[in-house]
Amino acid sequence: MTDVLILGGTGWLSGRIAAHALGAGATVTCLARGGRPAPPGATLVLADRDEEAAYDVVSRTDWDHVVDVSSRADHVSGAVRALGDRAARWTYISSMSVYRDDETVGTDESASRHPAAQAGEDDDYARQKVAAEDAVQAGVGDRAHPRPARPHRRRRRPERSLRLLGGGVPPGPG
């Protein structure tokens, strides 16, 4: 059984990723504030990622896969610090907004990105996503799978993220 931790899991995209993983036979835990329910069959762990102890409960488990969709670099870097050593694989769902040129059809993940957000630049979505990607890459190295979204796609299509997760069930270790 694959143990998957979804950081979120109750929102638009993360909820669909969680439901898809469940449907493929994974054991899914969603860490979220609790404003919405987790998909049926998932375990919901209530936590506010602004709090220091947000990851205490889930940091006691070794995860086959951690999936994060946050647009806040501080949330992502905090999660990587708390859970990076416990995750066999880490997928960060980013955005085509990280690319300086998001209009050219056919570009790929080698395209030039915006600079990463610095302290105090909380309102710049693209730069926050870049800083989050960087935090994942720095924190988990070759276990990281950032930027699964292709820059030449413009519509919200959760099936693309699910496909990039290996059909919804991230592979276990080994």
Foldseek 3Di string as FASTA:
>chain_A
DAEEEEAAQFDDQNVVLQVQQVVVPYAYEYEECPPGDHPPRHHYDHADLVDLCSCVVVLVAQHQEYEYADLALSSLLSCLVSRLVRYQAYEYAADLLQAPDLADPPDFPVGHGDDADDPPPGPPSNNRRVSSLVSQCVRNPPRYHYHQDGSPDDDDDSVSVCVVCVSSHNDGHD
